[in-house]
PDB file of N, CA and C in Angstrom:
ATOM      1  N   MET A   1       0.380  -1.082  -0.556  1.00  0.00           N
ATOM      2  CA  MET A   1      -0.270  -0.263  -0.152  1.00  0.00           C
ATOM      3  C   MET A   1       0.813   1.447  -0.173  1.00  0.00           C
ATOM      4  N   ALA A   2       0.253   2.300  -1.181  1.00  0.00           N
ATOM      5  CA  ALA A   2       1.675   3.332  -0.568  1.00  0.00           C
ATOM      6  C   ALA A   2       1.254   4.419   0.205  1.00  0.00           C
ATOM      7  N   LYS A   3       2.108   4.674   0.238  1.00  0.00           N
ATOM      8  CA  LYS A   3       2.019   6.429   1.660  1.00  0.00           C
ATOM      9  C   LYS A   3       1.092   6.858   0.861  1.00  0.00           C
ATOM     10  N   PRO A   4       0.931   7.999   2.196  1.00  0.00           N
ATOM     11  CA  PRO A   4      -0.007   9.651   1.666  1.00  0.00           C
ATOM     12  C   PRO A   4       0.674   9.752   1.858  1.00  0.00           C
ATOM     13  N   ALA A   5       1.073  11.295   0.776  1.00  0.00           N
ATOM     14  CA  ALA A   5       2.194  11.159  -0.116  1.00  0.00           C
ATOM     15  C   ALA A   5       1.319  13.293   1.411  1.00  0.00           C
ATOM     16  N   PRO A   6       3.185  13.338   1.625  1.00  0.00           N
ATOM     17  CA  PRO A   6       2.950  14.433   3.009  1.00  0.00           C
ATOM     18  C   PRO A   6       2.157  15.457   2.695  1.00  0.00           C
ATOM     19  N   LYS A   7       2.053  16.252   3.890  1.00  0.00           N
ATOM     20  CA  LYS A   7       0.884  17.517   3.479  1.00  0.00           C
ATOM     21  C   LYS A   7       1.796  19.105   3.168  1.00  0.00           C
ATOM     22  N   PRO A   8       0.938  19.568   1.500  1.00  0.00           N
ATOM     23  CA  PRO A   8       2.176  21.019   1.043  1.00  0.00           C
ATOM     24  C   PRO A   8       2.309  21.626   2.051  1.00  0.00           C
ATOM     25  N   THR A   9       3.698  21.767   2.164  1.00  0.00           N
ATOM     26  CA  THR A   9       4.259  23.281   2.277  1.00  0.00           C
ATOM     27  C   THR A   9       3.398  24.350   1.491  1.00  0.00           C
ATOM     28  N   ALA A  10       3.253  25.445   2.048  1.00  0.00           N
ATOM     29  CA  ALA A  10       3.659  26.972   1.244  1.00  0.00           C
ATOM     30  C   ALA A  10       4.014  26.821  -0.168  1.00  0.00           C
ATOM     31  N   GLU A  11       5.449  26.741   0.150  1.00  0.00           N
ATOM     32  CA  GLU A  11       6.678  27.152  -0.656  1.00  0.00           C
ATOM     33  C   GLU A  11       6.198  26.317  -1.817  1.00  0.00           C
ATOM     34  N   ASN A  12       5.865  25.038  -1.631  1.00  0.00           N
ATOM     35  CA  ASN A  12       5.175  23.887  -2.683  1.00  0.00           C
ATOM     36  C   ASN A  12       4.975  23.712  -3.403  1.00  0.00           C
ATOM     37  N   ALA A  13       3.479  24.816  -2.550  1.00  0.00           N
ATOM     38  CA  ALA A  13       2.115  24.691  -3.453  1.00  0.00           C
ATOM     39  C   ALA A  13       2.169  26.099  -4.222  1.00  0.00           C
ATOM     40  N   ALA A  14       2.871  26.911  -4.298  1.00  0.00           N
ATOM     41  CA  ALA A  14       3.727  27.997  -4.719  1.00  0.00           C
ATOM     42  C   ALA A  14       3.691  27.442  -5.758  1.00  0.00           C
ATOM     43  N   ALA A  15       5.403  26.397  -5.921  1.00  0.00           N
ATOM     44  CA  ALA A  15       6.056  26.431  -7.312  1.00  0.00           C
ATOM     45  C   ALA A  15       4.830  25.110  -7.918  1.00  0.00           C
ATOM     46  N   LEU A  16       4.140  24.435  -7.457  1.00  0.00           N
ATOM     47  CA  LEU A  16       2.857  23.922  -8.040  1.00  0.00           C
ATOM     48  C   LEU A  16       1.965  24.687  -8.731  1.00  0.00           C
ATOM     49  N   ALA A  17       1.149  26.468  -8.079  1.00  0.00           N
ATOM     50  CA  ALA A  17       0.839  26.798  -8.655  1.00  0.00           C
ATOM     51  C   ALA A  17       1.535  27.555  -9.969  1.00  0.00           C
ATOM     52  N   LEU A  18       2.930  28.270  -9.720  1.00  0.00           N
ATOM     53  CA  LEU A  18       3.585  28.616 -10.561  1.00  0.00           C
ATOM     54  C   LEU A  18       4.706  27.750 -12.062  1.00  0.00           C
ATOM     55  N   SER A  19       4.540  26.104 -11.897  1.00  0.00           N
ATOM     56  CA  SER A  19       4.133  24.637 -12.668  1.00  0.00           C
ATOM     57  C   SER A  19       2.765  25.253 -13.075  1.00  0.00           C
ATOM     58  N   GLY A  20       1.531  25.185 -13.011  1.00  0.00           N
ATOM     59  CA  GLY A  20       0.676  25.211 -13.731  1.00  0.00           C
ATOM     60  C   GLY A  20       0.207  26.545 -14.169  1.00  0.00           C
ATOM     61  N   LEU A  21       1.237  27.665 -14.472  1.00  0.00           N
ATOM     62  CA  LEU A  21       0.549  28.912 -14.720  1.00  0.00           C
ATOM     63  C   LEU A  21       1.124  28.671 -16.215  1.00  0.00           C
ATOM     64  N   ALA A  22       2.865  28.461 -16.154  1.00  0.00           N
ATOM     65  CA  ALA A  22       3.068  27.968 -16.944  1.00  0.00           C
ATOM     66  C   ALA A  22       2.222  26.700 -18.534  1.00  0.00           C
ATOM     67  N   PHE A  23       1.662  25.595 -17.770  1.00  0.00           N
ATOM     68  CA  PHE A  23       1.674  24.526 -18.478  1.00  0.00           C
ATOM     69  C   PHE A  23      -0.205  25.496 -18.968  1.00  0.00           C
ATOM     70  N   LEU A  24      -0.642  26.603 -18.476  1.00  0.00           N
ATOM     71  CA  LEU A  24      -1.413  27.692 -19.134  1.00  0.00           C
ATOM     72  C   LEU A  24      -1.032  28.462 -20.219  1.00  0.00           C
ATOM     73  N   ALA A  25       0.399  29.003 -19.669  1.00  0.00           N
ATOM     74  CA  ALA A  25       1.011  29.956 -20.974  1.00  0.00           C
ATOM     75  C   ALA A  25       1.124  29.315 -21.732  1.00  0.00           C
ATOM     76  N   GLU A  26       2.405  27.701 -22.260  1.00  0.00           N
ATOM     77  CA  GLU A  26       2.084  26.924 -23.454  1.00  0.00           C
ATOM     78  C   GLU A  26       1.451  26.798 -24.259  1.00  0.00           C
ATOM     79  N   ASP A  27      -0.061  27.353 -23.629  1.00  0.00           N
ATOM     80  CA  ASP A  27      -1.314  26.928 -24.950  1.00  0.00           C
ATOM     81  C   ASP A  27      -1.697  28.542 -25.376  1.00  0.00           C
ATOM     82  N   ALA A  28      -1.868  29.050 -26.801  1.00  0.00           N
ATOM     83  CA  ALA A  28      -3.042  30.342 -26.005  1.00  0.00           C
ATOM     84  C   ALA A  28      -3.972  30.241 -26.380  1.00  0.00           C
ATOM     85  N   PRO A  29      -4.949  29.812 -25.710  1.00  0.00           N
ATOM     86  CA  PRO A  29      -6.584  29.625 -25.776  1.00  0.00           C
ATOM     87  C   PRO A  29      -6.438  29.089 -24.033  1.00  0.00           C
ATOM     88  N   ARG A  30      -5.862  28.471 -22.981  1.00  0.00           N
ATOM     89  CA  ARG A  30      -6.192  27.959 -22.147  1.00  0.00           C
ATOM     90  C   ARG A  30      -5.352  29.088 -21.779  1.00  0.00           C
ATOM     91  N   LEU A  31      -5.119  29.894 -22.221  1.00  0.00           N
ATOM     92  CA  LEU A  31      -3.839  31.455 -20.758  1.00  0.00           C
ATOM     93  C   LEU A  31      -4.890  32.473 -21.899  1.00  0.00           C
ATOM     94  N   VAL A  32      -5.634  32.163 -22.747  1.00  0.00           N
ATOM     95  CA  VAL A  32      -6.919  33.625 -22.618  1.00  0.00           C
ATOM     96  C   VAL A  32      -7.220  32.616 -21.848  1.00  0.00           C
ATOM     97  N   ARG A  33      -8.303  32.315 -22.035  1.00  0.00           N
ATOM     98  CA  ARG A  33      -9.301  32.248 -20.855  1.00  0.00           C
ATOM     99  C   ARG A  33      -9.042  32.225 -19.510  1.00  0.00           C
ATOM    100  N   PHE A  34      -8.362  31.298 -18.951  1.00  0.00           N
ATOM    101  CA  PHE A  34      -7.663  31.886 -17.001  1.00  0.00           C
ATOM    102  C   PHE A  34      -7.215  33.717 -17.294  1.00  0.00           C
ATOM    103  N   LEU A  35      -6.765  34.362 -18.155  1.00  0.00           N
ATOM    104  CA  LEU A  35      -6.757  35.666 -17.915  1.00  0.00           C
ATOM    105  C   LEU A  35      -8.123  35.989 -18.048  1.00  0.00           C
ATOM    106  N   SER A  36      -9.483  35.736 -19.346  1.00  0.00           N
ATOM    107  CA  SER A  36     -10.333  36.645 -18.987  1.00  0.00           C
ATOM    108  C   SER A  36     -11.114  36.060 -17.824  1.00  0.00           C
ATOM    109  N   LEU A  37     -10.274  35.190 -17.166  1.00  0.00           N
ATOM    110  CA  LEU A  37     -11.855  34.758 -15.873  1.00  0.00           C
ATOM    111  C   LEU A  37     -11.031  35.103 -14.897  1.00  0.00           C
ATOM    112  N   THR A  38     -10.085  36.046 -14.993  1.00  0.00           N
ATOM    113  CA  THR A  38      -8.947  36.586 -13.491  1.00  0.00           C
ATOM    114  C   THR A  38      -9.267  37.314 -13.753  1.00  0.00           C
ATOM    115  N   GLY A  39      -9.120  38.154 -15.054  1.00  0.00           N
ATOM    116  CA  GLY A  39      -9.349  39.619 -14.618  1.00  0.00           C
ATOM    117  C   GLY A  39      -7.993  40.248 -14.927  1.00  0.00           C
ATOM    118  N   ILE A  40      -7.069  39.035 -15.553  1.00  0.00           N
ATOM    119  CA  ILE A  40      -5.319  39.498 -15.347  1.00  0.00           C
ATOM    120  C   ILE A  40      -4.965  40.392 -16.434  1.00  0.00           C
ATOM    121  N   GLY A  41      -4.805  40.978 -17.473  1.00  0.00           N
ATOM    122  CA  GLY A  41      -4.067  41.817 -18.382  1.00  0.00           C
ATOM    123  C   GLY A  41      -2.547  41.087 -19.187  1.00  0.00           C
ATOM    124  N   PRO A  42      -3.007  40.542 -19.635  1.00  0.00           N
ATOM    125  CA  PRO A  42      -1.755  40.019 -21.021  1.00  0.00           C
ATOM    126  C   PRO A  42       0.164  40.631 -20.240  1.00  0.00           C
ATOM    127  N   ASP A  43      -0.795  42.254 -20.279  1.00  0.00           N
ATOM    128  CA  ASP A  43       0.383  42.400 -19.783  1.00  0.00           C
ATOM    129  C   ASP A  43       0.740  43.472 -18.358  1.00  0.00           C
ATOM    130  N   HIS A  44      -0.081  42.702 -17.589  1.00  0.00           N
ATOM    131  CA  HIS A  44      -0.057  43.021 -16.530  1.00  0.00           C
ATOM    132  C   HIS A  44       0.501  41.380 -15.891  1.00  0.00           C
ATOM    133  N   LEU A  45       0.421  40.066 -16.461  1.00  0.00           N
ATOM    134  CA  LEU A  45       0.881  38.425 -15.719  1.00  0.00           C
ATOM    135  C   LEU A  45       1.908  38.340 -15.322  1.00  0.00           C
ATOM    136  N   ARG A  46       3.359  38.984 -15.944  1.00  0.00           N
ATOM    137  CA  ARG A  46       4.330  38.592 -15.828  1.00  0.00           C
ATOM    138  C   ARG A  46       4.254  39.527 -14.460  1.00  0.00           C
ATOM    139  N   GLU A  47       3.894  40.908 -14.573  1.00  0.00           N
ATOM    140  CA  GLU A  47       4.538  40.946 -12.404  1.00  0.00           C
ATOM    141  C   GLU A  47       3.328  40.472 -11.185  1.00  0.00           C
ATOM    142  N   ALA A  48       2.101  40.068 -12.646  1.00  0.00           N
ATOM    143  CA  ALA A  48       0.726  39.484 -11.598  1.00  0.00           C
ATOM    144  C   ALA A  48       1.843  37.429 -11.017  1.00  0.00           C
ATOM    145  N   ALA A  49       2.938  37.469 -11.969  1.00  0.00           N
ATOM    146  CA  ALA A  49       2.791  35.924 -11.658  1.00  0.00           C
ATOM    147  C   ALA A  49       3.222  35.335 -10.595  1.00  0.00           C
ATOM    148  N   GLY A  50       3.799  35.795  -9.425  1.00  0.00           N
ATOM    149  CA  GLY A  50       4.435  35.538  -8.042  1.00  0.00           C
ATOM    150  C   GLY A  50       3.521  35.628  -7.060  1.00  0.00           C
ATOM    151  N   ALA A  51       2.032  36.650  -7.413  1.00  0.00           N
ATOM    152  CA  ALA A  51       1.718  36.563  -6.069  1.00  0.00           C
ATOM    153  C   ALA A  51       0.670  35.719  -5.663  1.00  0.00           C
ATOM    154  N   ASN A  52       0.729  34.813  -4.520  1.00  0.00           N
ATOM    155  CA  ASN A  52       0.096  33.867  -3.889  1.00  0.00           C
ATOM    156  C   ASN A  52      -1.633  34.268  -3.734  1.00  0.00           C
ATOM    157  N   ASP A  53      -2.118  35.097  -3.972  1.00  0.00           N
ATOM    158  CA  ASP A  53      -3.599  34.965  -4.690  1.00  0.00           C
ATOM    159  C   ASP A  53      -3.641  35.455  -6.321  1.00  0.00           C
ATOM    160  N   THR A  54      -2.401  35.755  -7.679  1.00  0.00           N
ATOM    161  CA  THR A  54      -2.325  34.685  -8.867  1.00  0.00           C
ATOM    162  C   THR A  54      -2.854  32.902  -8.283  1.00  0.00           C
ATOM    163  N   LEU A  55      -1.155  32.701  -7.967  1.00  0.00           N
ATOM    164  CA  LEU A  55      -1.662  31.284  -7.695  1.00  0.00           C
ATOM    165  C   LEU A  55      -2.235  30.771  -6.990  1.00  0.00           C
ATOM    166  N   LEU A  56      -3.376  31.210  -6.410  1.00  0.00           N
ATOM    167  CA  LEU A  56      -4.769  30.569  -6.041  1.00  0.00           C
ATOM    168  C   LEU A  56      -5.520  30.294  -7.135  1.00  0.00           C
ATOM    169  N   ALA A  57      -5.642  31.647  -7.917  1.00  0.00           N
ATOM    170  CA  ALA A  57      -6.229  31.663  -9.289  1.00  0.00           C
ATOM    171  C   ALA A  57      -5.949  30.507  -9.967  1.00  0.00           C
ATOM    172  N   VAL A  58      -4.692  30.182  -9.764  1.00  0.00           N
ATOM    173  CA  VAL A  58      -4.071  29.305 -10.925  1.00  0.00           C
ATOM    174  C   VAL A  58      -4.877  27.517 -10.333  1.00  0.00           C
ATOM    175  N   LEU A  59      -4.769  27.610  -9.383  1.00  0.00           N
ATOM    176  CA  LEU A  59      -4.508  25.900  -8.800  1.00  0.00           C
ATOM    177  C   LEU A  59      -6.600  26.003  -9.087  1.00  0.00           C
ATOM    178  N   ASP A  60      -7.283  27.309  -8.286  1.00  0.00           N
ATOM    179  CA  ASP A  60      -8.750  27.098  -8.788  1.00  0.00           C
ATOM    180  C   ASP A  60      -8.636  27.150 -10.207  1.00  0.00           C
ATOM    181  N   HIS A  61      -7.674  27.560 -10.717  1.00  0.00           N
ATOM    182  CA  HIS A  61      -8.437  27.511 -12.316  1.00  0.00           C
ATOM    183  C   HIS A  61      -8.559  26.395 -13.042  1.00  0.00           C
ATOM    184  N   LEU A  62      -7.668  25.275 -12.520  1.00  0.00           N
ATOM    185  CA  LEU A  62      -6.929  23.667 -13.215  1.00  0.00           C
ATOM    186  C   LEU A  62      -7.815  22.965 -11.744  1.00  0.00           C
ATOM    187  N   LEU A  63      -8.990  23.342 -10.521  1.00  0.00           N
ATOM    188  CA  LEU A  63      -9.505  22.188 -10.388  1.00  0.00           C
ATOM    189  C   LEU A  63     -10.726  22.405 -10.259  1.00  0.00           C
ATOM    190  N   THR A  64     -11.511  24.049 -11.812  1.00  0.00           N
ATOM    191  CA  THR A  64     -12.451  24.119 -12.101  1.00  0.00           C
ATOM    192  C   THR A  64     -13.108  23.689 -13.339  1.00  0.00           C
ATOM    193  N   ASP A  65     -11.376  22.554 -14.035  1.00  0.00           N
ATOM    194  CA  ASP A  65     -12.329  22.178 -15.258  1.00  0.00           C
ATOM    195  C   ASP A  65     -11.187  20.803 -15.627  1.00  0.00           C
ATOM    196  N   GLU A  66     -12.043  19.941 -15.482  1.00  0.00           N
ATOM    197  CA  GLU A  66     -11.426  18.344 -15.094  1.00  0.00           C
ATOM    198  C   GLU A  66     -10.034  18.271 -15.714  1.00  0.00           C
ATOM    199  N   SER A  67     -11.154  18.323 -17.177  1.00  0.00           N
ATOM    200  CA  SER A  67      -9.895  17.496 -18.108  1.00  0.00           C
ATOM    201  C   SER A  67      -9.139  18.227 -17.921  1.00  0.00           C
ATOM    202  N   LEU A  68      -8.565  19.177 -18.221  1.00  0.00           N
ATOM    203  CA  LEU A  68      -7.781  20.291 -17.995  1.00  0.00           C
ATOM    204  C   LEU A  68      -6.412  19.745 -16.718  1.00  0.00           C
ATOM    205  N   LEU A  69      -7.016  20.048 -15.605  1.00  0.00           N
ATOM    206  CA  LEU A  69      -6.776  19.636 -13.992  1.00  0.00           C
ATOM    207  C   LEU A  69      -5.806  17.914 -14.487  1.00  0.00           C
ATOM    208  N   LEU A  70      -5.921  16.924 -15.616  1.00  0.00           N
ATOM    209  CA  LEU A  70      -6.149  15.934 -15.656  1.00  0.00           C
ATOM    210  C   LEU A  70      -4.823  16.116 -16.878  1.00  0.00           C
ATOM    211  N   VAL A  71      -4.430  16.779 -17.805  1.00  0.00           N
ATOM    212  CA  VAL A  71      -4.009  17.137 -18.530  1.00  0.00           C
ATOM    213  C   VAL A  71      -2.776  17.767 -17.901  1.00  0.00           C
ATOM    214  N   PHE A  72      -3.071  18.346 -16.767  1.00  0.00           N
ATOM    215  CA  PHE A  72      -2.501  19.387 -16.515  1.00  0.00           C
ATOM    216  C   PHE A  72      -1.582  17.680 -15.498  1.00  0.00           C
ATOM    217  N   ALA A  73      -2.004  17.439 -14.815  1.00  0.00           N
ATOM    218  CA  ALA A  73      -1.380  16.323 -13.801  1.00  0.00           C
ATOM    219  C   ALA A  73      -0.241  15.502 -14.964  1.00  0.00           C
ATOM    220  N   ALA A  74      -1.414  14.602 -15.853  1.00  0.00           N
ATOM    221  CA  ALA A  74      -0.346  14.188 -16.416  1.00  0.00           C
ATOM    222  C   ALA A  74       0.900  14.512 -17.318  1.00  0.00           C
ATOM    223  N   SER A  75       0.636  15.120 -17.759  1.00  0.00           N
ATOM    224  CA  SER A  75       2.039  16.422 -18.167  1.00  0.00           C
ATOM    225  C   SER A  75       3.021  16.630 -17.110  1.00  0.00           C
ATOM    226  N   LYS A  76       2.822  16.925 -16.105  1.00  0.00           N
ATOM    227  CA  LYS A  76       3.970  16.597 -14.166  1.00  0.00           C
ATOM    228  C   LYS A  76       4.630  15.740 -14.220  1.00  0.00           C
ATOM    229  N   GLY A  77       2.920  15.189 -14.078  1.00  0.00           N
ATOM    230  CA  GLY A  77       3.360  13.088 -13.493  1.00  0.00           C
ATOM    231  C   GLY A  77       3.014  12.783 -12.197  1.00  0.00           C
ATOM    232  N   ILE A  78       2.365  14.619 -12.048  1.00  0.00           N
ATOM    233  CA  ILE A  78       1.830  13.784 -10.186  1.00  0.00           C
ATOM    234  C   ILE A  78       0.039  13.261 -10.666  1.00  0.00           C
ATOM    235  N   SER A  79      -0.202  13.166  -8.874  1.00  0.00           N
ATOM    236  CA  SER A  79      -1.168  13.085  -9.318  1.00  0.00           C
ATOM    237  C   SER A  79      -2.124  13.530  -8.940  1.00  0.00           C
ATOM    238  N   PRO A  80      -3.483  14.401  -9.788  1.00  0.00           N
ATOM    239  CA  PRO A  80      -4.146  15.164  -9.722  1.00  0.00           C
ATOM    240  C   PRO A  80      -4.582  15.451  -8.899  1.00  0.00           C
ATOM    241  N   ASP A  81      -5.337  14.619  -8.090  1.00  0.00           N
ATOM    242  CA  ASP A  81      -4.959  15.079  -6.812  1.00  0.00           C
ATOM    243  C   ASP A  81      -5.005  15.104  -5.778  1.00  0.00           C
ATOM    244  N   GLN A  82      -3.804  16.052  -5.948  1.00  0.00           N
ATOM    245  CA  GLN A  82      -2.214  16.764  -5.736  1.00  0.00           C
ATOM    246  C   GLN A  82      -2.617  17.666  -5.464  1.00  0.00           C
ATOM    247  N   ILE A  83      -3.196  18.791  -6.406  1.00  0.00           N
ATOM    248  CA  ILE A  83      -4.238  20.252  -6.917  1.00  0.00           C
ATOM    249  C   ILE A  83      -4.691  20.657  -5.790  1.00  0.00           C
ATOM    250  N   ALA A  84      -5.954  20.307  -5.066  1.00  0.00           N
ATOM    251  CA  ALA A  84      -6.216  20.334  -3.666  1.00  0.00           C
ATOM    252  C   ALA A  84      -5.768  20.462  -2.269  1.00  0.00           C
ATOM    253  N   PRO A  85      -5.193  20.073  -1.930  1.00  0.00           N
ATOM    254  CA  PRO A  85      -4.288  20.030  -0.963  1.00  0.00           C
ATOM    255  C   PRO A  85      -3.032  20.940  -0.926  1.00  0.00           C
ATOM    256  N   ALA A  86      -2.971  21.272  -2.540  1.00  0.00           N
ATOM    257  CA  ALA A  86      -2.198  22.259  -2.116  1.00  0.00           C
ATOM    258  C   ALA A  86      -3.113  24.266  -2.482  1.00  0.00           C
ATOM    259  N   ARG A  87      -3.899  24.558  -2.744  1.00  0.00           N
ATOM    260  CA  ARG A  87      -4.705  24.815  -3.071  1.00  0.00           C
ATOM    261  C   ARG A  87      -5.013  25.446  -1.437  1.00  0.00           C
ATOM    262  N   ALA A  88      -5.470  24.654  -0.973  1.00  0.00           N
ATOM    263  CA  ALA A  88      -5.472  24.646   0.863  1.00  0.00           C
ATOM    264  C   ALA A  88      -4.064  25.569   1.417  1.00  0.00           C
ATOM    265  N   ALA A  89      -3.349  24.483   1.291  1.00  0.00           N
ATOM    266  CA  ALA A  89      -1.614  25.331   1.873  1.00  0.00           C
ATOM    267  C   ALA A  89      -1.702  26.339   1.442  1.00  0.00           C
ATOM    268  N   LEU A  90      -1.816  26.851   0.152  1.00  0.00           N
ATOM    269  CA  LEU A  90      -1.480  28.000  -0.810  1.00  0.00           C
ATOM    270  C   LEU A  90      -2.652  29.267   0.521  1.00  0.00           C
ATOM    271  N   ALA A  91      -4.336  28.699   0.485  1.00  0.00           N
ATOM    272  CA  ALA A  91      -5.521  29.607   0.847  1.00  0.00           C
ATOM    273  C   ALA A  91      -4.583  29.959   2.424  1.00  0.00           C
ATOM    274  N   ARG A  92      -3.787  28.610   3.238  1.00  0.00           N
ATOM    275  CA  ARG A  92      -3.713  28.709   4.629  1.00  0.00           C
ATOM    276  C   ARG A  92      -2.673  29.663   4.653  1.00  0.00           C
ATOM    277  N   GLU A  93      -2.136  30.027   4.004  1.00  0.00           N
ATOM    278  CA  GLU A  93      -0.334  31.521   3.439  1.00  0.00           C
ATOM    279  C   GLU A  93      -1.793  32.535   3.197  1.00  0.00           C
ATOM    280  N   LEU A  94      -2.334  32.736   3.095  1.00  0.00           N
ATOM    281  CA  LEU A  94      -2.868  33.690   3.158  1.00  0.00           C
ATOM    282  C   LEU A  94      -3.670  34.175   3.759  1.00  0.00           C
ATOM    283  N   GLY A  95      -3.882  33.422   4.927  1.00  0.00           N
ATOM    284  CA  GLY A  95      -4.884  33.543   5.899  1.00  0.00           C
ATOM    285  C   GLY A  95      -6.725  33.134   5.278  1.00  0.00           C
ATOM    286  N   SER A  96      -6.126  32.564   3.965  1.00  0.00           N
ATOM    287  CA  SER A  96      -7.692  32.036   3.502  1.00  0.00           C
ATOM    288  C   SER A  96      -8.287  30.895   3.781  1.00  0.00           C
ATOM    289  N   GLU A  97      -9.090  30.526   4.752  1.00  0.00           N
ATOM    290  CA  GLU A  97      -9.679  28.669   4.516  1.00  0.00           C
ATOM    291  C   GLU A  97     -10.874  28.896   3.285  1.00  0.00           C
ATOM    292  N   ALA A  98     -11.114  29.734   2.633  1.00  0.00           N
ATOM    293  CA  ALA A  98     -11.996  29.345   1.762  1.00  0.00           C
ATOM    294  C   ALA A  98     -11.917  28.250   0.817  1.00  0.00           C
ATOM    295  N   VAL A  99     -12.627  27.399   0.977  1.00  0.00           N
ATOM    296  CA  VAL A  99     -13.029  25.745   0.325  1.00  0.00           C
ATOM    297  C   VAL A  99     -12.993  25.948  -0.963  1.00  0.00           C
ATOM    298  N   HIS A 100     -12.554  25.638  -1.956  1.00  0.00           N
ATOM    299  CA  HIS A 100     -12.478  24.933  -3.435  1.00  0.00           C
ATOM    300  C   HIS A 100     -14.362  24.362  -3.332  1.00  0.00           C
ATOM    301  N   ASP A 101     -15.215  24.831  -4.351  1.00  0.00           N
ATOM    302  CA  ASP A 101     -16.304  24.096  -4.333  1.00  0.00           C
ATOM    303  C   ASP A 101     -16.635  23.621  -5.781  1.00  0.00           C
TER     304      ASP A 101
END
C-alpha cells in the first residue's frame, strides 16, 4: 500500500501553481481563458505571476476544469489529487481558509 503524500507546504504549493501557470501559458487559448476569467491583463501577467493570489487563482482554475486538471497532472507526472491540498496550503498562507467548490 502506498504511503499518503505529505501535506504540502505553501512553498511547494506556490511552485506547483507556478508550474500550472507555465502550463497554461504553453497554449494560447488556455492562457486567454485564464486571463479572461481572472481579469488579469496580458500586459500585467509577468508582474502578477508571483503573487499568492494569482497562484491561488491558477490552482482554482485547474480545479474547476477536470479535463484541464488531468492534462496538467499528466504533463507533470503528478496525481491530480495533489492539487486540492496544494490549494489549501496556499490559502492558509494567505490567511484564507476558503474552500474550493
